[in-house]
Amino acid sequence: MTQLSWRKSSFCQEGEACVHVATTAPGAAVKVAGSADPGEAHLTVSPTAWSTFLQAVKELSAS
């Protein structure tokens, strides 16, 4: 099994309420998890879905 390298959101404040993401390879599915235990339970989305989500968040933040 591939070991995932989880990255914490750059918008994370101090504490445990953070989002973590990981990929197994460039262009591979994106794993999204909360900070309690990223390796335990996570959501898997396509790179396209993740990119669309990030774009929507950026647009909402700008308005």
PDB file of N, CA and C in Angstrom:
ATOM      1  N   MET A   1       0.842  -1.181   0.000  1.00  0.00           N
ATOM      2  CA  MET A   1       0.000   0.000   0.000  1.00  0.00           C
ATOM      3  C   MET A   1       0.889   1.248   0.000  1.00  0.00           C
ATOM      4  N   THR A   2       0.515   2.254  -0.770  1.00  0.00           N
ATOM      5  CA  THR A   2       1.276   3.491  -0.873  1.00  0.00           C
ATOM      6  C   THR A   2       1.086   4.341   0.379  1.00  0.00           C
ATOM      7  N   GLN A   3       2.186   4.832   0.922  1.00  0.00           N
ATOM      8  CA  GLN A   3       2.140   5.727   2.075  1.00  0.00           C
ATOM      9  C   GLN A   3       1.752   7.120   1.585  1.00  0.00           C
ATOM     10  N   LEU A   4       0.723   7.702   2.174  1.00  0.00           N
ATOM     11  CA  LEU A   4       0.286   9.037   1.782  1.00  0.00           C
ATOM     12  C   LEU A   4       1.034  10.087   2.584  1.00  0.00           C
ATOM     13  N   SER A   5       1.357  11.179   1.932  1.00  0.00           N
ATOM     14  CA  SER A   5       1.976  12.315   2.593  1.00  0.00           C
ATOM     15  C   SER A   5       0.913  13.407   2.693  1.00  0.00           C
ATOM     16  N   TRP A   6       0.333  13.556   3.871  1.00  0.00           N
ATOM     17  CA  TRP A   6      -0.741  14.522   4.081  1.00  0.00           C
ATOM     18  C   TRP A   6      -0.173  15.923   4.251  1.00  0.00           C
ATOM     19  N   ARG A   7      -0.839  16.908   3.625  1.00  0.00           N
ATOM     20  CA  ARG A   7      -0.471  18.320   3.756  1.00  0.00           C
ATOM     21  C   ARG A   7      -1.631  19.066   4.401  1.00  0.00           C
ATOM     22  N   LYS A   8      -1.302  19.948   5.335  1.00  0.00           N
ATOM     23  CA  LYS A   8      -2.322  20.741   6.020  1.00  0.00           C
ATOM     24  C   LYS A   8      -2.612  22.005   5.217  1.00  0.00           C
ATOM     25  N   SER A   9      -3.859  22.418   5.212  1.00  0.00           N
ATOM     26  CA  SER A   9      -4.263  23.635   4.521  1.00  0.00           C
ATOM     27  C   SER A   9      -3.435  24.828   4.979  1.00  0.00           C
ATOM     28  N   SER A  10      -3.053  25.680   4.047  1.00  0.00           N
ATOM     29  CA  SER A  10      -2.302  26.886   4.392  1.00  0.00           C
ATOM     30  C   SER A  10      -3.185  27.916   5.093  1.00  0.00           C
ATOM     31  N   PHE A  11      -4.492  27.720   5.070  1.00  0.00           N
ATOM     32  CA  PHE A  11      -5.419  28.625   5.737  1.00  0.00           C
ATOM     33  C   PHE A  11      -5.784  28.143   7.135  1.00  0.00           C
ATOM     34  N   CYS A  12      -5.159  27.102   7.587  1.00  0.00           N
ATOM     35  CA  CYS A  12      -5.464  26.506   8.884  1.00  0.00           C
ATOM     36  C   CYS A  12      -4.991  27.416  10.013  1.00  0.00           C
ATOM     37  N   GLN A  13      -5.848  27.606  10.987  1.00  0.00           N
ATOM     38  CA  GLN A  13      -5.496  28.349  12.195  1.00  0.00           C
ATOM     39  C   GLN A  13      -4.916  27.361  13.201  1.00  0.00           C
ATOM     40  N   GLU A  14      -4.469  27.847  14.331  1.00  0.00           N
ATOM     41  CA  GLU A  14      -3.998  26.945  15.378  1.00  0.00           C
ATOM     42  C   GLU A  14      -5.168  26.100  15.862  1.00  0.00           C
ATOM     43  N   GLY A  15      -4.894  24.894  16.257  1.00  0.00           N
ATOM     44  CA  GLY A  15      -5.941  23.997  16.724  1.00  0.00           C
ATOM     45  C   GLY A  15      -6.099  22.817  15.796  1.00  0.00           C
ATOM     46  N   GLU A  16      -7.196  22.112  15.962  1.00  0.00           N
ATOM     47  CA  GLU A  16      -7.400  20.866  15.236  1.00  0.00           C
ATOM     48  C   GLU A  16      -8.412  20.953  14.097  1.00  0.00           C
ATOM     49  N   ALA A  17      -9.035  22.087  13.870  1.00  0.00           N
ATOM     50  CA  ALA A  17     -10.057  22.203  12.831  1.00  0.00           C
ATOM     51  C   ALA A  17      -9.417  22.555  11.494  1.00  0.00           C
ATOM     52  N   CYS A  18      -8.740  21.587  10.897  1.00  0.00           N
ATOM     53  CA  CYS A  18      -8.020  21.818   9.652  1.00  0.00           C
ATOM     54  C   CYS A  18      -8.393  20.779   8.605  1.00  0.00           C
ATOM     55  N   VAL A  19      -8.123  21.127   7.358  1.00  0.00           N
ATOM     56  CA  VAL A  19      -8.310  20.192   6.251  1.00  0.00           C
ATOM     57  C   VAL A  19      -6.933  19.718   5.811  1.00  0.00           C
ATOM     58  N   HIS A  20      -6.812  18.419   5.551  1.00  0.00           N
ATOM     59  CA  HIS A  20      -5.575  17.827   5.051  1.00  0.00           C
ATOM     60  C   HIS A  20      -5.859  17.207   3.686  1.00  0.00           C
ATOM     61  N   VAL A  21      -4.887  17.279   2.785  1.00  0.00           N
ATOM     62  CA  VAL A  21      -5.024  16.656   1.467  1.00  0.00           C
ATOM     63  C   VAL A  21      -3.786  15.818   1.164  1.00  0.00           C
ATOM     64  N   ALA A  22      -3.979  14.804   0.328  1.00  0.00           N
ATOM     65  CA  ALA A  22      -2.866  13.949  -0.093  1.00  0.00           C
ATOM     66  C   ALA A  22      -3.178  13.373  -1.465  1.00  0.00           C
ATOM     67  N   THR A  23      -2.131  13.103  -2.233  1.00  0.00           N
ATOM     68  CA  THR A  23      -2.263  12.389  -3.505  1.00  0.00           C
ATOM     69  C   THR A  23      -1.209  11.292  -3.533  1.00  0.00           C
ATOM     70  N   THR A  24      -1.469  10.266  -4.317  1.00  0.00           N
ATOM     71  CA  THR A  24      -0.495   9.184  -4.434  1.00  0.00           C
ATOM     72  C   THR A  24       0.488   9.443  -5.567  1.00  0.00           C
ATOM     73  N   ALA A  25       0.080  10.249  -6.547  1.00  0.00           N
ATOM     74  CA  ALA A  25       0.934  10.567  -7.692  1.00  0.00           C
ATOM     75  C   ALA A  25       0.343  11.772  -8.412  1.00  0.00           C
ATOM     76  N   PRO A  26       1.156  12.510  -9.174  1.00  0.00           N
ATOM     77  CA  PRO A  26       0.614  13.625  -9.948  1.00  0.00           C
ATOM     78  C   PRO A  26      -0.519  13.154 -10.861  1.00  0.00           C
ATOM     79  N   GLY A  27      -1.626  13.876 -10.838  1.00  0.00           N
ATOM     80  CA  GLY A  27      -2.771  13.521 -11.669  1.00  0.00           C
ATOM     81  C   GLY A  27      -3.639  12.423 -11.088  1.00  0.00           C
ATOM     82  N   ALA A  28      -3.281  11.917  -9.905  1.00  0.00           N
ATOM     83  CA  ALA A  28      -4.056  10.850  -9.264  1.00  0.00           C
ATOM     84  C   ALA A  28      -5.177  11.449  -8.424  1.00  0.00           C
ATOM     85  N   ALA A  29      -6.035  10.591  -7.931  1.00  0.00           N
ATOM     86  CA  ALA A  29      -7.134  11.031  -7.077  1.00  0.00           C
ATOM     87  C   ALA A  29      -6.591  11.793  -5.868  1.00  0.00           C
ATOM     88  N   VAL A  30      -7.393  12.726  -5.384  1.00  0.00           N
ATOM     89  CA  VAL A  30      -7.025  13.542  -4.230  1.00  0.00           C
ATOM     90  C   VAL A  30      -7.782  13.024  -3.019  1.00  0.00           C
ATOM     91  N   LYS A  31      -7.077  12.826  -1.924  1.00  0.00           N
ATOM     92  CA  LYS A  31      -7.676  12.402  -0.664  1.00  0.00           C
ATOM     93  C   LYS A  31      -7.842  13.643   0.201  1.00  0.00           C
ATOM     94  N   VAL A  32      -9.021  13.816   0.795  1.00  0.00           N
ATOM     95  CA  VAL A  32      -9.323  14.971   1.633  1.00  0.00           C
ATOM     96  C   VAL A  32      -9.793  14.455   2.983  1.00  0.00           C
ATOM     97  N   ALA A  33      -9.242  15.014   4.065  1.00  0.00           N
ATOM     98  CA  ALA A  33      -9.599  14.544   5.402  1.00  0.00           C
ATOM     99  C   ALA A  33      -9.580  15.688   6.403  1.00  0.00           C
ATOM    100  N   GLY A  34     -10.272  15.478   7.505  1.00  0.00           N
ATOM    101  CA  GLY A  34     -10.209  16.399   8.631  1.00  0.00           C
ATOM    102  C   GLY A  34      -8.942  16.136   9.417  1.00  0.00           C
ATOM    103  N   SER A  35      -8.643  17.009  10.360  1.00  0.00           N
ATOM    104  CA  SER A  35      -7.374  16.905  11.066  1.00  0.00           C
ATOM    105  C   SER A  35      -7.353  15.904  12.206  1.00  0.00           C
ATOM    106  N   ALA A  36      -8.489  15.397  12.630  1.00  0.00           N
ATOM    107  CA  ALA A  36      -8.500  14.470  13.757  1.00  0.00           C
ATOM    108  C   ALA A  36      -7.582  13.278  13.493  1.00  0.00           C
ATOM    109  N   ASP A  37      -7.709  12.651  12.343  1.00  0.00           N
ATOM    110  CA  ASP A  37      -6.850  11.520  11.963  1.00  0.00           C
ATOM    111  C   ASP A  37      -6.936  11.355  10.454  1.00  0.00           C
ATOM    112  N   PRO A  38      -6.143  12.122   9.688  1.00  0.00           N
ATOM    113  CA  PRO A  38      -6.256  12.098   8.230  1.00  0.00           C
ATOM    114  C   PRO A  38      -6.140  10.713   7.609  1.00  0.00           C
ATOM    115  N   GLY A  39      -5.343   9.854   8.185  1.00  0.00           N
ATOM    116  CA  GLY A  39      -5.154   8.534   7.610  1.00  0.00           C
ATOM    117  C   GLY A  39      -6.314   7.584   7.855  1.00  0.00           C
ATOM    118  N   GLU A  40      -7.190   7.921   8.784  1.00  0.00           N
ATOM    119  CA  GLU A  40      -8.274   7.021   9.153  1.00  0.00           C
ATOM    120  C   GLU A  40      -9.464   7.128   8.197  1.00  0.00           C
ATOM    121  N   ALA A  41     -10.129   8.252   8.168  1.00  0.00           N
ATOM    122  CA  ALA A  41     -11.311   8.429   7.313  1.00  0.00           C
ATOM    123  C   ALA A  41     -11.068   9.603   6.378  1.00  0.00           C
ATOM    124  N   HIS A  42     -11.322   9.395   5.105  1.00  0.00           N
ATOM    125  CA  HIS A  42     -11.112  10.474   4.148  1.00  0.00           C
ATOM    126  C   HIS A  42     -12.060  10.323   2.962  1.00  0.00           C
ATOM    127  N   LEU A  43     -12.173  11.397   2.222  1.00  0.00           N
ATOM    128  CA  LEU A  43     -12.978  11.462   1.011  1.00  0.00           C
ATOM    129  C   LEU A  43     -12.015  11.442  -0.169  1.00  0.00           C
ATOM    130  N   THR A  44     -12.328  10.674  -1.197  1.00  0.00           N
ATOM    131  CA  THR A  44     -11.486  10.616  -2.392  1.00  0.00           C
ATOM    132  C   THR A  44     -12.222  11.283  -3.544  1.00  0.00           C
ATOM    133  N   VAL A  45     -11.568  12.257  -4.182  1.00  0.00           N
ATOM    134  CA  VAL A  45     -12.179  12.977  -5.304  1.00  0.00           C
ATOM    135  C   VAL A  45     -11.209  12.988  -6.486  1.00  0.00           C
ATOM    136  N   SER A  46     -11.746  13.213  -7.665  1.00  0.00           N
ATOM    137  CA  SER A  46     -10.902  13.291  -8.861  1.00  0.00           C
ATOM    138  C   SER A  46     -10.128  14.610  -8.855  1.00  0.00           C
ATOM    139  N   PRO A  47      -9.009  14.662  -9.567  1.00  0.00           N
ATOM    140  CA  PRO A  47      -8.274  15.922  -9.670  1.00  0.00           C
ATOM    141  C   PRO A  47      -9.138  17.052 -10.240  1.00  0.00           C
ATOM    142  N   THR A  48     -10.013  16.731 -11.178  1.00  0.00           N
ATOM    143  CA  THR A  48     -10.899  17.746 -11.759  1.00  0.00           C
ATOM    144  C   THR A  48     -11.871  18.278 -10.715  1.00  0.00           C
ATOM    145  N   ALA A  49     -12.463  17.392  -9.931  1.00  0.00           N
ATOM    146  CA  ALA A  49     -13.395  17.819  -8.884  1.00  0.00           C
ATOM    147  C   ALA A  49     -12.681  18.677  -7.846  1.00  0.00           C
ATOM    148  N   TRP A  50     -11.467  18.301  -7.470  1.00  0.00           N
ATOM    149  CA  TRP A  50     -10.706  19.072  -6.487  1.00  0.00           C
ATOM    150  C   TRP A  50     -10.375  20.459  -7.030  1.00  0.00           C
ATOM    151  N   SER A  51      -9.958  20.534  -8.276  1.00  0.00           N
ATOM    152  CA  SER A  51      -9.643  21.813  -8.904  1.00  0.00           C
ATOM    153  C   SER A  51     -10.877  22.712  -8.975  1.00  0.00           C
ATOM    154  N   THR A  52     -12.011  22.127  -9.331  1.00  0.00           N
ATOM    155  CA  THR A  52     -13.265  22.881  -9.397  1.00  0.00           C
ATOM    156  C   THR A  52     -13.645  23.408  -8.018  1.00  0.00           C
ATOM    157  N   PHE A  53     -13.501  22.582  -6.996  1.00  0.00           N
ATOM    158  CA  PHE A  53     -13.791  22.996  -5.622  1.00  0.00           C
ATOM    159  C   PHE A  53     -12.895  24.163  -5.205  1.00  0.00           C
ATOM    160  N   LEU A  54     -11.592  24.051  -5.452  1.00  0.00           N
ATOM    161  CA  LEU A  54     -10.667  25.119  -5.077  1.00  0.00           C
ATOM    162  C   LEU A  54     -10.990  26.423  -5.796  1.00  0.00           C
ATOM    163  N   GLN A  55     -11.342  26.341  -7.072  1.00  0.00           N
ATOM    164  CA  GLN A  55     -11.704  27.541  -7.824  1.00  0.00           C
ATOM    165  C   GLN A  55     -12.947  28.194  -7.234  1.00  0.00           C
ATOM    166  N   ALA A  56     -13.934  27.395  -6.857  1.00  0.00           N
ATOM    167  CA  ALA A  56     -15.161  27.929  -6.256  1.00  0.00           C
ATOM    168  C   ALA A  56     -14.861  28.615  -4.922  1.00  0.00           C
ATOM    169  N   VAL A  57     -13.992  28.032  -4.119  1.00  0.00           N
ATOM    170  CA  VAL A  57     -13.621  28.637  -2.837  1.00  0.00           C
ATOM    171  C   VAL A  57     -12.911  29.965  -3.069  1.00  0.00           C
ATOM    172  N   LYS A  58     -12.008  30.014  -4.038  1.00  0.00           N
ATOM    173  CA  LYS A  58     -11.303  31.260  -4.350  1.00  0.00           C
ATOM    174  C   LYS A  58     -12.278  32.344  -4.788  1.00  0.00           C
ATOM    175  N   GLU A  59     -13.247  31.978  -5.619  1.00  0.00           N
ATOM    176  CA  GLU A  59     -14.228  32.952  -6.095  1.00  0.00           C
ATOM    177  C   GLU A  59     -15.098  33.460  -4.952  1.00  0.00           C
ATOM    178  N   LEU A  60     -15.503  32.577  -4.050  1.00  0.00           N
ATOM    179  CA  LEU A  60     -16.308  32.994  -2.901  1.00  0.00           C
ATOM    180  C   LEU A  60     -15.506  33.881  -1.960  1.00  0.00           C
ATOM    181  N   SER A  61     -14.237  33.587  -1.794  1.00  0.00           N
ATOM    182  CA  SER A  61     -13.380  34.379  -0.909  1.00  0.00           C
ATOM    183  C   SER A  61     -13.138  35.773  -1.471  1.00  0.00           C
ATOM    184  N   ALA A  62     -13.126  35.891  -2.783  1.00  0.00           N
ATOM    185  CA  ALA A  62     -12.864  37.178  -3.429  1.00  0.00           C
ATOM    186  C   ALA A  62     -14.076  38.105  -3.392  1.00  0.00           C
ATOM    187  N   SER A  63     -15.260  37.533  -3.204  1.00  0.00           N
ATOM    188  CA  SER A  63     -16.465  38.383  -3.232  1.00  0.00           C
ATOM    189  C   SER A  63     -16.862  38.880  -1.868  1.00  0.00           C
TER     190      SER A  63
END
